[in-house]
N, C-alpha and C. Protein backbone atom coordinates (compact mmCIF):
# COMPACT_ATOMS: atom_id res chain seq x y z
N MET A 1 -126.08 -82.46 136.39
CA MET A 1 -125.93 -81.08 136.03
C MET A 1 -126.89 -80.03 135.63
N ARG A 2 -126.73 -79.27 136.38
CA ARG A 2 -127.89 -77.95 136.96
C ARG A 2 -128.19 -77.18 135.44
N CYS A 3 -129.42 -76.87 135.65
CA CYS A 3 -130.53 -76.11 134.39
C CYS A 3 -130.22 -74.88 134.35
N PRO A 4 -129.87 -74.22 133.36
CA PRO A 4 -129.41 -72.83 133.27
C PRO A 4 -130.68 -71.96 133.53
N PHE A 5 -131.71 -72.07 133.06
CA PHE A 5 -132.73 -71.56 133.11
C PHE A 5 -133.62 -71.76 134.49
N CYS A 6 -134.14 -72.95 135.12
CA CYS A 6 -134.47 -73.33 136.54
C CYS A 6 -133.94 -73.78 137.35
N GLY A 7 -132.87 -73.87 137.55
CA GLY A 7 -131.71 -74.16 137.93
C GLY A 7 -131.99 -75.32 139.01
N HIS A 8 -132.71 -76.62 138.51
CA HIS A 8 -133.10 -78.01 138.57
C HIS A 8 -131.59 -78.88 138.90
N ASP A 9 -131.27 -79.18 139.78
CA ASP A 9 -130.26 -80.38 138.92
C ASP A 9 -130.63 -81.58 138.96
N ASP A 10 -131.33 -81.79 138.19
CA ASP A 10 -131.61 -83.18 137.41
C ASP A 10 -132.21 -83.24 135.92
N THR A 11 -130.72 -82.94 134.97
CA THR A 11 -130.78 -82.88 133.72
C THR A 11 -130.46 -84.14 132.71
N ASN A 12 -131.58 -84.72 132.19
CA ASN A 12 -130.99 -85.61 130.98
C ASN A 12 -130.17 -85.16 129.71
N VAL A 13 -129.60 -86.24 129.27
CA VAL A 13 -128.61 -85.86 128.26
C VAL A 13 -129.20 -86.29 127.05
N LYS A 14 -129.52 -86.26 125.86
CA LYS A 14 -130.64 -85.97 124.48
C LYS A 14 -129.01 -86.74 123.71
N ASP A 15 -128.34 -86.00 123.75
CA ASP A 15 -127.23 -86.40 122.57
C ASP A 15 -125.55 -85.72 122.81
N SER A 16 -124.86 -86.97 122.75
CA SER A 16 -123.44 -86.63 123.08
C SER A 16 -122.11 -86.95 121.84
N ARG A 17 -121.69 -85.73 121.21
CA ARG A 17 -120.91 -85.89 120.43
C ARG A 17 -119.50 -85.33 120.66
N PRO A 18 -118.35 -85.79 119.86
CA PRO A 18 -117.32 -85.31 120.06
C PRO A 18 -117.20 -83.93 119.16
N THR A 19 -116.53 -82.41 119.87
CA THR A 19 -116.12 -81.34 118.73
C THR A 19 -115.33 -81.77 117.76
N GLU A 20 -115.26 -80.57 116.53
CA GLU A 20 -114.74 -81.12 115.10
C GLU A 20 -113.11 -81.59 115.85
N ASP A 21 -112.39 -80.69 116.60
CA ASP A 21 -111.25 -80.91 116.98
C ASP A 21 -111.50 -82.20 117.87
N SER A 22 -111.91 -83.23 118.38
CA SER A 22 -112.10 -84.11 119.48
C SER A 22 -111.60 -83.07 120.80
N ALA A 23 -111.10 -81.60 120.97
CA ALA A 23 -110.78 -81.37 122.56
C ALA A 23 -112.19 -81.90 123.24
N ALA A 24 -112.89 -81.84 123.04
CA ALA A 24 -114.02 -81.83 123.97
C ALA A 24 -115.18 -82.81 123.71
N VAL A 25 -116.01 -82.81 124.34
CA VAL A 25 -117.82 -83.21 124.41
C VAL A 25 -119.00 -82.99 124.17
N ARG A 26 -119.26 -82.46 123.12
CA ARG A 26 -120.54 -81.80 123.05
C ARG A 26 -121.87 -82.29 123.63
N ARG A 27 -122.41 -82.15 124.51
CA ARG A 27 -123.52 -82.96 125.17
C ARG A 27 -125.20 -81.93 124.89
N ARG A 28 -126.14 -82.50 124.02
CA ARG A 28 -127.49 -81.40 124.31
C ARG A 28 -127.92 -82.67 125.39
N ARG A 29 -128.61 -80.89 126.43
CA ARG A 29 -129.34 -81.66 127.69
C ARG A 29 -130.48 -81.13 127.61
N GLN A 30 -131.51 -81.97 128.52
CA GLN A 30 -132.39 -81.52 128.72
C GLN A 30 -133.21 -81.48 130.11
N CYS A 31 -133.60 -80.63 130.28
CA CYS A 31 -133.96 -80.39 131.92
C CYS A 31 -135.19 -81.35 132.13
N SER A 32 -135.67 -81.75 133.51
CA SER A 32 -136.98 -82.77 133.46
C SER A 32 -137.44 -81.89 133.98
N ASN A 33 -137.70 -80.77 134.48
CA ASN A 33 -138.44 -80.28 135.28
C ASN A 33 -139.12 -79.01 134.88
N CYS A 34 -138.17 -78.24 133.57
CA CYS A 34 -139.01 -77.55 132.75
C CYS A 34 -139.12 -77.92 131.28
N GLY A 35 -138.13 -78.59 131.14
CA GLY A 35 -138.21 -79.08 129.68
C GLY A 35 -137.50 -78.27 128.92
N ALA A 36 -136.40 -77.76 129.32
CA ALA A 36 -135.49 -76.44 128.55
C ALA A 36 -134.60 -77.08 128.14
N ARG A 37 -133.93 -77.06 126.68
CA ARG A 37 -132.52 -77.73 126.09
C ARG A 37 -131.65 -76.67 126.70
N PHE A 38 -130.64 -77.12 126.85
CA PHE A 38 -129.18 -76.20 126.43
C PHE A 38 -128.10 -77.29 125.87
N THR A 39 -126.90 -76.90 125.94
CA THR A 39 -125.65 -77.97 125.47
C THR A 39 -124.91 -77.26 126.74
N THR A 40 -124.10 -78.07 126.81
CA THR A 40 -122.78 -78.44 127.57
C THR A 40 -121.22 -78.52 126.54
N PHE A 41 -119.99 -78.49 126.86
CA PHE A 41 -119.33 -78.80 126.83
C PHE A 41 -118.17 -79.78 127.87
N GLU A 42 -117.84 -81.00 127.23
CA GLU A 42 -117.02 -81.51 128.57
C GLU A 42 -115.53 -81.18 128.31
N ARG A 43 -114.44 -81.14 128.55
CA ARG A 43 -112.97 -80.47 127.97
C ARG A 43 -112.34 -81.56 129.25
N VAL A 44 -111.06 -82.03 128.94
CA VAL A 44 -110.37 -82.22 129.95
C VAL A 44 -109.46 -81.40 130.10
N GLN A 45 -109.14 -81.53 131.45
CA GLN A 45 -108.29 -80.40 132.67
C GLN A 45 -107.31 -81.07 133.24
N LEU A 46 -106.12 -80.52 132.59
CA LEU A 46 -104.95 -81.73 132.97
C LEU A 46 -104.32 -81.17 134.34
N ARG A 47 -104.73 -79.72 134.52
CA ARG A 47 -104.40 -79.20 135.86
C ARG A 47 -105.27 -78.17 136.10
N ASP A 48 -105.00 -77.30 137.59
CA ASP A 48 -105.85 -76.38 137.59
C ASP A 48 -104.70 -74.95 137.42
N LEU A 49 -104.58 -73.98 136.59
CA LEU A 49 -104.00 -73.67 136.30
C LEU A 49 -104.04 -71.77 137.53
N VAL A 50 -103.69 -70.98 137.70
CA VAL A 50 -103.49 -69.93 138.53
C VAL A 50 -102.76 -68.71 137.55
N VAL A 51 -103.39 -67.61 137.39
CA VAL A 51 -102.48 -66.36 136.27
C VAL A 51 -102.11 -66.01 137.44
N VAL A 52 -100.92 -65.37 137.64
CA VAL A 52 -99.92 -64.57 138.03
C VAL A 52 -100.29 -63.26 137.44
N LYS A 53 -100.62 -61.79 138.25
CA LYS A 53 -101.17 -60.94 137.36
C LYS A 53 -99.39 -60.06 137.86
N ARG A 54 -99.62 -59.05 137.04
CA ARG A 54 -98.46 -57.66 137.11
C ARG A 54 -98.09 -57.56 138.07
N ASN A 55 -99.27 -57.40 139.09
CA ASN A 55 -99.25 -56.81 140.23
C ASN A 55 -98.78 -58.11 141.41
N ASN A 56 -98.74 -59.05 140.91
CA ASN A 56 -98.52 -60.19 141.70
C ASN A 56 -100.20 -61.22 141.91
N ARG A 57 -100.78 -60.05 142.52
CA ARG A 57 -102.19 -60.76 142.37
C ARG A 57 -102.29 -61.83 141.86
N ARG A 58 -103.32 -62.79 142.28
CA ARG A 58 -103.61 -64.40 141.67
C ARG A 58 -105.02 -64.83 141.50
N GLU A 59 -105.22 -65.51 140.20
CA GLU A 59 -106.54 -65.42 139.97
C GLU A 59 -106.48 -66.91 139.04
N PRO A 60 -108.10 -67.66 139.25
CA PRO A 60 -107.96 -69.00 138.41
C PRO A 60 -107.94 -68.15 137.49
N PHE A 61 -107.12 -69.55 136.05
CA PHE A 61 -107.31 -69.46 134.67
C PHE A 61 -108.18 -69.07 134.36
N ASP A 62 -109.01 -68.30 133.59
CA ASP A 62 -110.65 -68.99 133.11
C ASP A 62 -110.55 -68.65 131.67
N ARG A 63 -110.66 -69.48 130.78
CA ARG A 63 -111.18 -70.11 129.26
C ARG A 63 -111.92 -68.83 128.93
N ASP A 64 -112.79 -68.51 129.61
CA ASP A 64 -113.66 -67.67 128.86
C ASP A 64 -113.43 -66.10 128.66
N LYS A 65 -112.80 -66.00 129.66
CA LYS A 65 -111.31 -64.96 129.56
C LYS A 65 -110.95 -64.34 128.63
N LEU A 66 -109.80 -65.47 128.23
CA LEU A 66 -108.80 -65.91 126.81
C LEU A 66 -110.26 -65.71 125.38
N ILE A 67 -110.96 -66.54 125.43
CA ILE A 67 -112.30 -66.57 124.62
C ILE A 67 -112.15 -64.96 124.17
N ARG A 68 -113.11 -64.25 125.66
CA ARG A 68 -113.42 -62.82 125.30
C ARG A 68 -112.19 -62.05 124.53
N SER A 69 -111.38 -62.27 124.91
CA SER A 69 -110.14 -60.88 124.73
C SER A 69 -110.06 -61.63 123.07
N MET A 70 -109.48 -62.78 122.53
CA MET A 70 -109.43 -62.62 121.25
C MET A 70 -110.57 -62.57 120.37
N THR A 71 -111.80 -63.04 120.86
CA THR A 71 -113.03 -62.61 120.18
C THR A 71 -113.24 -61.29 119.64
N ILE A 72 -112.96 -60.16 120.45
CA ILE A 72 -112.96 -58.92 121.25
C ILE A 72 -112.18 -58.51 119.55
N SER A 73 -110.84 -58.91 119.59
CA SER A 73 -109.86 -58.48 119.07
C SER A 73 -110.55 -58.95 117.36
N LEU A 74 -110.92 -59.96 117.58
CA LEU A 74 -111.72 -60.40 115.95
C LEU A 74 -112.47 -60.14 115.09
N GLN A 75 -113.66 -59.35 116.43
CA GLN A 75 -114.78 -58.40 116.12
C GLN A 75 -114.52 -57.85 114.54
N LYS A 76 -115.41 -58.41 113.43
CA LYS A 76 -115.93 -58.05 112.14
C LYS A 76 -114.43 -58.23 111.30
N ARG A 77 -113.45 -59.31 111.89
CA ARG A 77 -112.67 -60.25 110.92
C ARG A 77 -112.83 -61.18 110.61
N PRO A 78 -112.46 -61.36 109.33
CA PRO A 78 -112.50 -62.57 107.96
C PRO A 78 -112.12 -63.82 108.60
N VAL A 79 -112.36 -64.23 109.75
CA VAL A 79 -111.42 -65.19 110.36
C VAL A 79 -112.41 -66.38 111.27
N GLU A 80 -112.98 -67.31 110.68
CA GLU A 80 -113.30 -68.30 110.92
C GLU A 80 -113.45 -69.70 112.23
N PRO A 81 -114.37 -69.25 112.58
CA PRO A 81 -114.47 -69.68 114.76
C PRO A 81 -113.59 -71.32 115.10
N GLU A 82 -113.93 -71.57 113.99
CA GLU A 82 -113.23 -73.17 114.13
C GLU A 82 -111.75 -72.52 114.49
N ARG A 83 -111.14 -72.17 113.30
CA ARG A 83 -109.53 -71.54 113.43
C ARG A 83 -109.43 -71.01 115.11
N VAL A 84 -110.35 -69.88 115.03
CA VAL A 84 -110.22 -69.29 116.60
C VAL A 84 -110.29 -70.29 117.84
N ASP A 85 -111.27 -71.86 117.73
CA ASP A 85 -110.88 -72.42 118.80
C ASP A 85 -109.86 -73.44 118.50
N ARG A 86 -109.46 -73.27 117.41
CA ARG A 86 -108.05 -74.52 117.47
C ARG A 86 -106.90 -73.40 118.00
N ILE A 87 -107.07 -72.02 117.79
CA ILE A 87 -105.93 -71.80 118.61
C ILE A 87 -105.97 -71.52 120.04
N ILE A 88 -107.32 -71.64 120.09
CA ILE A 88 -107.40 -71.52 121.92
C ILE A 88 -107.03 -72.76 122.66
N ASN A 89 -107.28 -73.90 121.74
CA ASN A 89 -107.43 -74.91 122.53
C ASN A 89 -105.86 -75.30 122.64
N GLY A 90 -105.38 -75.08 121.54
CA GLY A 90 -103.49 -74.88 121.20
C GLY A 90 -103.03 -74.24 122.70
N ILE A 91 -103.39 -72.87 122.79
CA ILE A 91 -102.63 -71.71 124.01
C ILE A 91 -103.15 -72.81 125.05
N ILE A 92 -104.33 -73.34 125.40
CA ILE A 92 -104.53 -73.44 126.99
C ILE A 92 -104.04 -75.35 126.75
N ARG A 93 -103.72 -76.18 125.78
CA ARG A 93 -102.58 -77.23 125.73
C ARG A 93 -101.51 -76.93 126.29
N ARG A 94 -101.29 -75.61 125.74
CA ARG A 94 -99.87 -75.58 125.91
C ARG A 94 -99.31 -74.82 127.67
N LEU A 95 -100.35 -74.51 127.77
CA LEU A 95 -100.12 -73.64 129.71
C LEU A 95 -100.44 -74.73 130.37
N GLU A 96 -101.33 -75.69 129.97
CA GLU A 96 -100.86 -77.12 131.08
C GLU A 96 -100.38 -78.16 130.97
N SER A 97 -99.60 -78.17 129.59
CA SER A 97 -98.75 -79.46 129.76
C SER A 97 -97.96 -78.58 130.17
N SER A 98 -97.20 -77.32 130.06
CA SER A 98 -96.00 -76.52 130.64
C SER A 98 -95.24 -77.08 132.13
N GLY A 99 -96.33 -77.66 132.48
CA GLY A 99 -95.84 -78.33 133.76
C GLY A 99 -95.96 -77.40 134.97
N GLU A 100 -96.09 -75.80 134.96
CA GLU A 100 -96.16 -75.07 135.84
C GLU A 100 -98.00 -74.90 136.38
N THR A 101 -97.65 -74.50 137.55
CA THR A 101 -99.87 -74.48 137.90
C THR A 101 -99.68 -72.76 138.14
N ASP A 102 -98.93 -71.88 138.17
CA ASP A 102 -98.93 -70.57 137.84
C ASP A 102 -97.78 -69.83 137.10
N ILE A 103 -99.26 -69.16 136.19
CA ILE A 103 -99.12 -68.55 134.82
C ILE A 103 -98.79 -67.28 134.97
N PRO A 104 -97.65 -67.14 134.65
CA PRO A 104 -97.80 -65.28 134.47
C PRO A 104 -98.25 -64.46 133.33
N SER A 105 -99.54 -63.63 133.71
CA SER A 105 -100.39 -63.31 133.05
C SER A 105 -99.06 -62.55 131.89
N GLN A 106 -98.56 -62.26 131.66
CA GLN A 106 -97.48 -61.65 130.30
C GLN A 106 -97.14 -63.24 129.63
N TRP A 107 -97.26 -64.40 129.63
CA TRP A 107 -97.08 -65.54 128.96
C TRP A 107 -98.57 -65.65 128.09
N ILE A 108 -99.74 -65.56 128.75
CA ILE A 108 -100.50 -65.83 128.31
C ILE A 108 -100.68 -64.59 127.06
N GLY A 109 -100.06 -63.43 127.74
CA GLY A 109 -100.59 -62.46 126.86
C GLY A 109 -99.68 -63.17 125.33
N GLU A 110 -98.32 -63.16 125.86
CA GLU A 110 -97.54 -63.48 124.65
C GLU A 110 -97.65 -64.43 123.98
N LEU A 111 -98.55 -65.30 124.89
CA LEU A 111 -99.44 -66.42 123.46
C LEU A 111 -100.20 -66.22 122.45
N ILE A 112 -100.83 -65.30 123.18
CA ILE A 112 -101.94 -64.56 122.40
C ILE A 112 -101.81 -64.11 121.50
N MET A 113 -100.86 -62.95 121.56
CA MET A 113 -100.72 -61.68 120.14
C MET A 113 -99.68 -62.51 119.34
N ASP A 114 -98.16 -64.14 119.81
CA ASP A 114 -97.87 -64.47 119.09
C ASP A 114 -98.80 -65.20 118.12
N ALA A 115 -100.51 -65.77 118.55
CA ALA A 115 -101.26 -66.29 117.60
C ALA A 115 -102.33 -65.41 116.79
N LEU A 116 -102.11 -64.45 117.42
CA LEU A 116 -102.99 -62.95 116.55
C LEU A 116 -102.18 -62.91 115.44
N ALA A 117 -100.99 -63.01 115.49
CA ALA A 117 -99.84 -61.97 114.30
C ALA A 117 -99.14 -63.15 113.25
N THR A 118 -100.45 -64.69 113.61
CA THR A 118 -99.85 -65.61 112.45
C THR A 118 -101.65 -65.47 112.05
N LEU A 119 -102.67 -65.11 112.37
CA LEU A 119 -103.88 -65.72 112.52
C LEU A 119 -104.75 -63.73 111.68
N ASP A 120 -104.05 -63.11 112.10
CA ASP A 120 -105.23 -61.61 111.50
C ASP A 120 -104.61 -60.63 112.36
N LYS A 121 -103.40 -59.67 111.03
CA LYS A 121 -102.52 -58.39 111.84
C LYS A 121 -103.64 -57.90 112.26
N VAL A 122 -104.51 -57.64 111.81
CA VAL A 122 -105.81 -56.45 111.92
C VAL A 122 -106.04 -56.63 113.74
N ALA A 123 -106.20 -57.79 114.24
CA ALA A 123 -106.46 -58.56 115.44
C ALA A 123 -105.38 -58.63 116.39
N TYR A 124 -104.10 -58.50 115.80
CA TYR A 124 -103.23 -58.62 116.22
C TYR A 124 -102.66 -57.16 116.78
N ILE A 125 -102.64 -56.14 115.81
CA ILE A 125 -102.96 -54.53 116.29
C ILE A 125 -103.27 -54.13 117.57
N ARG A 126 -105.07 -54.65 117.43
CA ARG A 126 -105.58 -54.43 118.09
C ARG A 126 -105.59 -55.27 119.35
N PHE A 127 -105.29 -55.83 119.77
CA PHE A 127 -104.90 -56.59 120.79
C PHE A 127 -103.67 -56.16 121.61
N ALA A 128 -102.63 -55.91 120.29
CA ALA A 128 -101.45 -55.59 121.12
C ALA A 128 -101.55 -54.18 121.53
N SER A 129 -102.25 -53.14 120.88
CA SER A 129 -102.98 -51.79 121.61
C SER A 129 -103.63 -51.67 123.22
N VAL A 130 -104.02 -53.41 123.66
CA VAL A 130 -104.83 -53.15 124.97
C VAL A 130 -103.90 -53.75 125.76
N TYR A 131 -102.92 -54.60 125.16
CA TYR A 131 -102.23 -55.58 125.88
C TYR A 131 -100.92 -54.43 126.37
N ARG A 132 -100.28 -53.80 125.13
CA ARG A 132 -99.23 -53.01 125.54
C ARG A 132 -99.57 -51.34 126.30
N ASP A 133 -100.83 -51.40 126.11
CA ASP A 133 -101.20 -49.70 126.54
C ASP A 133 -100.69 -48.46 125.97
N PHE A 134 -101.13 -48.71 124.54
CA PHE A 134 -101.05 -47.57 124.18
C PHE A 134 -101.43 -46.29 124.19
N ARG A 135 -101.09 -45.16 124.36
CA ARG A 135 -101.62 -44.49 125.26
C ARG A 135 -101.25 -43.17 124.07
N GLU A 136 -100.82 -42.91 122.93
CA GLU A 136 -100.42 -42.03 121.75
C GLU A 136 -100.56 -42.89 120.55
N THR A 137 -101.42 -41.40 119.49
CA THR A 137 -100.87 -42.44 118.61
C THR A 137 -99.28 -42.80 117.62
N ARG A 138 -99.11 -42.01 118.90
CA ARG A 138 -96.97 -42.48 118.27
C ARG A 138 -96.74 -43.82 118.52
N ASP A 139 -97.68 -44.60 119.45
CA ASP A 139 -97.54 -45.75 120.05
C ASP A 139 -97.74 -46.81 118.93
N PHE A 140 -98.70 -46.47 117.98
CA PHE A 140 -99.33 -47.29 116.83
C PHE A 140 -98.48 -47.19 116.32
N GLU A 141 -97.96 -46.36 115.81
CA GLU A 141 -97.31 -45.90 114.37
C GLU A 141 -95.41 -46.86 114.77
N GLU A 142 -94.97 -46.67 115.95
CA GLU A 142 -93.74 -47.13 116.28
C GLU A 142 -93.90 -49.09 116.70
N PHE A 143 -95.27 -49.75 116.62
CA PHE A 143 -95.53 -50.96 117.11
C PHE A 143 -95.70 -51.37 115.68
N ILE A 144 -96.24 -50.58 114.59
CA ILE A 144 -96.60 -51.06 113.13
C ILE A 144 -95.46 -50.96 112.41
N GLU A 145 -94.34 -49.58 113.09
CA GLU A 145 -92.80 -50.00 112.12
C GLU A 145 -92.09 -50.93 112.62
N LYS A 146 -92.61 -51.17 113.63
CA LYS A 146 -92.02 -52.82 114.66
C LYS A 146 -92.30 -53.95 113.34
N ILE A 147 -93.37 -54.32 113.01
CA ILE A 147 -94.35 -55.27 112.74
C ILE A 147 -93.53 -55.23 110.97
N ASP A 148 -93.58 -54.12 110.24
CA ASP A 148 -93.09 -54.27 108.94
C ASP A 148 -91.57 -54.49 109.15
N SER A 149 -90.94 -54.26 109.90
CA SER A 149 -89.61 -54.60 109.75
C SER A 149 -89.05 -55.52 109.77
N ALA A 150 -89.50 -56.25 110.82
CA ALA A 150 -89.62 -57.81 111.06
C ALA A 150 -90.08 -58.15 109.89
N GLN A 151 -91.02 -57.96 109.46
CA GLN A 151 -91.83 -58.73 107.85
C GLN A 151 -90.74 -58.64 107.13
N GLY A 152 -90.21 -57.27 107.06
CA GLY A 152 -89.50 -57.22 105.15
C GLY A 152 -87.96 -57.74 105.98
N ALA A 153 -87.82 -58.43 107.20
CA ALA A 153 -86.24 -59.00 107.62
C ALA A 153 -85.98 -60.71 107.46
């Protein structure tokens, strides 16, 4: 593993343990060159996923992008990071176990929206405002009315 501080190729594992949800292995490492310590996570990857954008452009699936989009939506919301990690791992497992390697970005967006709808309504609306490309306050009003009517049904 390359040291993120000095770029040296030789690092030593000081400690390994599974994460709380056992979806990854957390490793504490130390660079044999500069002595810096850092943490890496090792996860099982079932297959290489490719995201197909709305304009048919293709790009490799990026777990960090998924994490960033949820983190932005959940900013300053009372949600435990462990719950977010479990949801993200669940979304990724669904994508990997779908049997498809080409994943439409719309499906990923819908999975995120479904997860946020059950996790935190404010984060759900924040994400939807970007994902659904709200342009005016009326767009927000209509979306919230749909949510309210769905909850009442």
